[in-house]
């Protein structure tokens, strides 16, 4: 199986983010599935995997905004992200603050 470059997956994650910002749920879901398939075949890149996790969080925020669910509070999710901030590189700190 041919490995996918992490830069290619990063571009796909940026496309996914554009769909999230437009609240285009069907397109965001399709791109999320594509990203997940490509990550399975990707050359390992820890920064990109953390970026992917941040984008999953943003995706969930979009879904919760459109159709609120009360299973887990937003503040609990934010606390979970903020508690792991000490392990982030400079680029990932930027993305974390960006959201």
C-alpha atoms as a PDB file:
ATOM      1  CA  UNK A   1       0.000   0.000   0.000  1.00  0.00           C
ATOM      2  CA  UNK A   2       1.358   3.386  -1.016  1.00  0.00           C
ATOM      3  CA  UNK A   3       1.958   5.922   1.763  1.00  0.00           C
ATOM      4  CA  UNK A   4       0.226   9.310   1.610  1.00  0.00           C
ATOM      5  CA  UNK A   5       2.279  12.425   2.350  1.00  0.00           C
ATOM      6  CA  UNK A   6       1.251  14.301   5.465  1.00  0.00           C
ATOM      7  CA  UNK A   7       1.280  17.552   3.463  1.00  0.00           C
ATOM      8  CA  UNK A   8      -1.428  16.119   1.193  1.00  0.00           C
ATOM      9  CA  UNK A   9      -3.543  15.238   4.236  1.00  0.00           C
ATOM     10  CA  UNK A  10      -2.940  18.730   5.645  1.00  0.00           C
ATOM     11  CA  UNK A  11      -4.348  20.295   2.469  1.00  0.00           C
ATOM     12  CA  UNK A  12      -7.396  18.042   2.751  1.00  0.00           C
ATOM     13  CA  UNK A  13      -7.861  19.075   6.402  1.00  0.00           C
ATOM     14  CA  UNK A  14      -7.796  22.739   5.320  1.00  0.00           C
ATOM     15  CA  UNK A  15     -10.540  21.998   2.754  1.00  0.00           C
ATOM     16  CA  UNK A  16     -12.515  20.288   5.522  1.00  0.00           C
ATOM     17  CA  UNK A  17     -12.103  23.379   7.721  1.00  0.00           C
ATOM     18  CA  UNK A  18     -13.486  25.589   4.943  1.00  0.00           C
ATOM     19  CA  UNK A  19     -16.625  23.432   4.836  1.00  0.00           C
ATOM     20  CA  UNK A  20     -16.935  23.604   8.627  1.00  0.00           C
ATOM     21  CA  UNK A  21     -16.750  27.412   8.550  1.00  0.00           C
ATOM     22  CA  UNK A  22     -19.481  27.472   5.896  1.00  0.00           C
ATOM     23  CA  UNK A  23     -21.636  25.120   8.012  1.00  0.00           C
ATOM     24  CA  UNK A  24     -21.793  22.765   5.034  1.00  0.00           C
ATOM     25  CA  UNK A  25     -22.402  19.596   7.034  1.00  0.00           C
ATOM     26  CA  UNK A  26     -22.675  17.128   4.094  1.00  0.00           C
ATOM     27  CA  UNK A  27     -19.421  18.369   2.528  1.00  0.00           C
ATOM     28  CA  UNK A  28     -17.685  18.492   5.917  1.00  0.00           C
ATOM     29  CA  UNK A  29     -18.739  14.903   6.652  1.00  0.00           C
ATOM     30  CA  UNK A  30     -17.434  13.719   3.259  1.00  0.00           C
ATOM     31  CA  UNK A  31     -14.092  15.469   3.738  1.00  0.00           C
ATOM     32  CA  UNK A  32     -13.799  14.169   7.302  1.00  0.00           C
ATOM     33  CA  UNK A  33     -14.230  10.605   6.021  1.00  0.00           C
ATOM     34  CA  UNK A  34     -11.635  11.210   3.279  1.00  0.00           C
ATOM     35  CA  UNK A  35      -9.149  12.616   5.810  1.00  0.00           C
ATOM     36  CA  UNK A  36      -9.667   9.627   8.114  1.00  0.00           C
ATOM     37  CA  UNK A  37      -9.030   7.182   5.235  1.00  0.00           C
ATOM     38  CA  UNK A  38      -5.885   9.060   4.214  1.00  0.00           C
ATOM     39  CA  UNK A  39      -4.567   9.216   7.780  1.00  0.00           C
ATOM     40  CA  UNK A  40      -4.639   5.410   7.860  1.00  0.00           C
ATOM     41  CA  UNK A  41      -2.207   5.384   4.906  1.00  0.00           C
ATOM     42  CA  UNK A  42      -0.206   8.481   5.880  1.00  0.00           C
ATOM     43  CA  UNK A  43       3.464   8.750   6.752  1.00  0.00           C
ATOM     44  CA  UNK A  44       3.421   9.334  10.530  1.00  0.00           C
ATOM     45  CA  UNK A  45       3.340  13.005  11.533  1.00  0.00           C
ATOM     46  CA  UNK A  46       2.422  13.763  15.152  1.00  0.00           C
ATOM     47  CA  UNK A  47       1.791  17.474  14.541  1.00  0.00           C
ATOM     48  CA  UNK A  48      -0.664  16.683  11.771  1.00  0.00           C
ATOM     49  CA  UNK A  49      -2.452  14.149  13.961  1.00  0.00           C
ATOM     50  CA  UNK A  50      -2.905  16.782  16.676  1.00  0.00           C
ATOM     51  CA  UNK A  51      -4.118  19.228  14.017  1.00  0.00           C
ATOM     52  CA  UNK A  52      -6.601  16.538  12.945  1.00  0.00           C
ATOM     53  CA  UNK A  53      -7.824  16.187  16.538  1.00  0.00           C
ATOM     54  CA  UNK A  54      -8.326  19.956  16.800  1.00  0.00           C
ATOM     55  CA  UNK A  55     -10.301  19.873  13.561  1.00  0.00           C
ATOM     56  CA  UNK A  56     -12.447  17.004  14.891  1.00  0.00           C
ATOM     57  CA  UNK A  57     -13.188  19.197  17.908  1.00  0.00           C
ATOM     58  CA  UNK A  58     -14.146  22.096  15.627  1.00  0.00           C
ATOM     59  CA  UNK A  59     -16.309  19.736  13.545  1.00  0.00           C
ATOM     60  CA  UNK A  60     -18.120  18.621  16.689  1.00  0.00           C
ATOM     61  CA  UNK A  61     -18.643  22.258  17.715  1.00  0.00           C
ATOM     62  CA  UNK A  62     -20.286  22.879  14.353  1.00  0.00           C
ATOM     63  CA  UNK A  63     -22.583  19.875  14.776  1.00  0.00           C
ATOM     64  CA  UNK A  64     -23.447  20.864  18.345  1.00  0.00           C
ATOM     65  CA  UNK A  65     -24.242  24.396  17.208  1.00  0.00           C
ATOM     66  CA  UNK A  66     -26.579  23.135  14.481  1.00  0.00           C
ATOM     67  CA  UNK A  67     -28.216  20.465  16.617  1.00  0.00           C
ATOM     68  CA  UNK A  68     -27.319  20.855  20.288  1.00  0.00           C
ATOM     69  CA  UNK A  69     -26.839  17.706  22.308  1.00  0.00           C
ATOM     70  CA  UNK A  70     -26.381  17.779  26.032  1.00  0.00           C
ATOM     71  CA  UNK A  71     -24.269  14.634  26.420  1.00  0.00           C
ATOM     72  CA  UNK A  72     -21.072  16.558  27.076  1.00  0.00           C
ATOM     73  CA  UNK A  73     -20.815  20.259  27.715  1.00  0.00           C
ATOM     74  CA  UNK A  74     -18.718  22.531  25.538  1.00  0.00           C
ATOM     75  CA  UNK A  75     -16.816  23.706  28.606  1.00  0.00           C
ATOM     76  CA  UNK A  76     -15.810  20.103  29.377  1.00  0.00           C
ATOM     77  CA  UNK A  77     -14.477  19.714  25.823  1.00  0.00           C
ATOM     78  CA  UNK A  78     -12.583  23.012  26.039  1.00  0.00           C
ATOM     79  CA  UNK A  79     -11.055  21.987  29.385  1.00  0.00           C
ATOM     80  CA  UNK A  80      -9.917  18.718  27.819  1.00  0.00           C
ATOM     81  CA  UNK A  81      -8.164  20.606  24.991  1.00  0.00           C
ATOM     82  CA  UNK A  82      -6.627  23.239  27.287  1.00  0.00           C
ATOM     83  CA  UNK A  83      -5.208  20.612  29.649  1.00  0.00           C
ATOM     84  CA  UNK A  84      -3.134  19.187  26.794  1.00  0.00           C
ATOM     85  CA  UNK A  85      -1.731  22.592  25.684  1.00  0.00           C
ATOM     86  CA  UNK A  86       1.674  21.984  27.295  1.00  0.00           C
ATOM     87  CA  UNK A  87       2.482  19.402  24.588  1.00  0.00           C
ATOM     88  CA  UNK A  88       1.717  21.625  21.580  1.00  0.00           C
ATOM     89  CA  UNK A  89       4.309  22.997  19.176  1.00  0.00           C
ATOM     90  CA  UNK A  90       4.192  26.644  18.115  1.00  0.00           C
ATOM     91  CA  UNK A  91       2.124  25.908  15.008  1.00  0.00           C
ATOM     92  CA  UNK A  92      -0.384  23.878  17.005  1.00  0.00           C
ATOM     93  CA  UNK A  93      -0.651  26.573  19.680  1.00  0.00           C
ATOM     94  CA  UNK A  94      -1.586  28.948  16.860  1.00  0.00           C
ATOM     95  CA  UNK A  95      -4.291  26.581  15.595  1.00  0.00           C
ATOM     96  CA  UNK A  96      -5.588  26.004  19.118  1.00  0.00           C
ATOM     97  CA  UNK A  97      -5.912  29.759  19.696  1.00  0.00           C
ATOM     98  CA  UNK A  98      -7.319  30.226  16.184  1.00  0.00           C
ATOM     99  CA  UNK A  99     -10.438  28.241  17.037  1.00  0.00           C
END
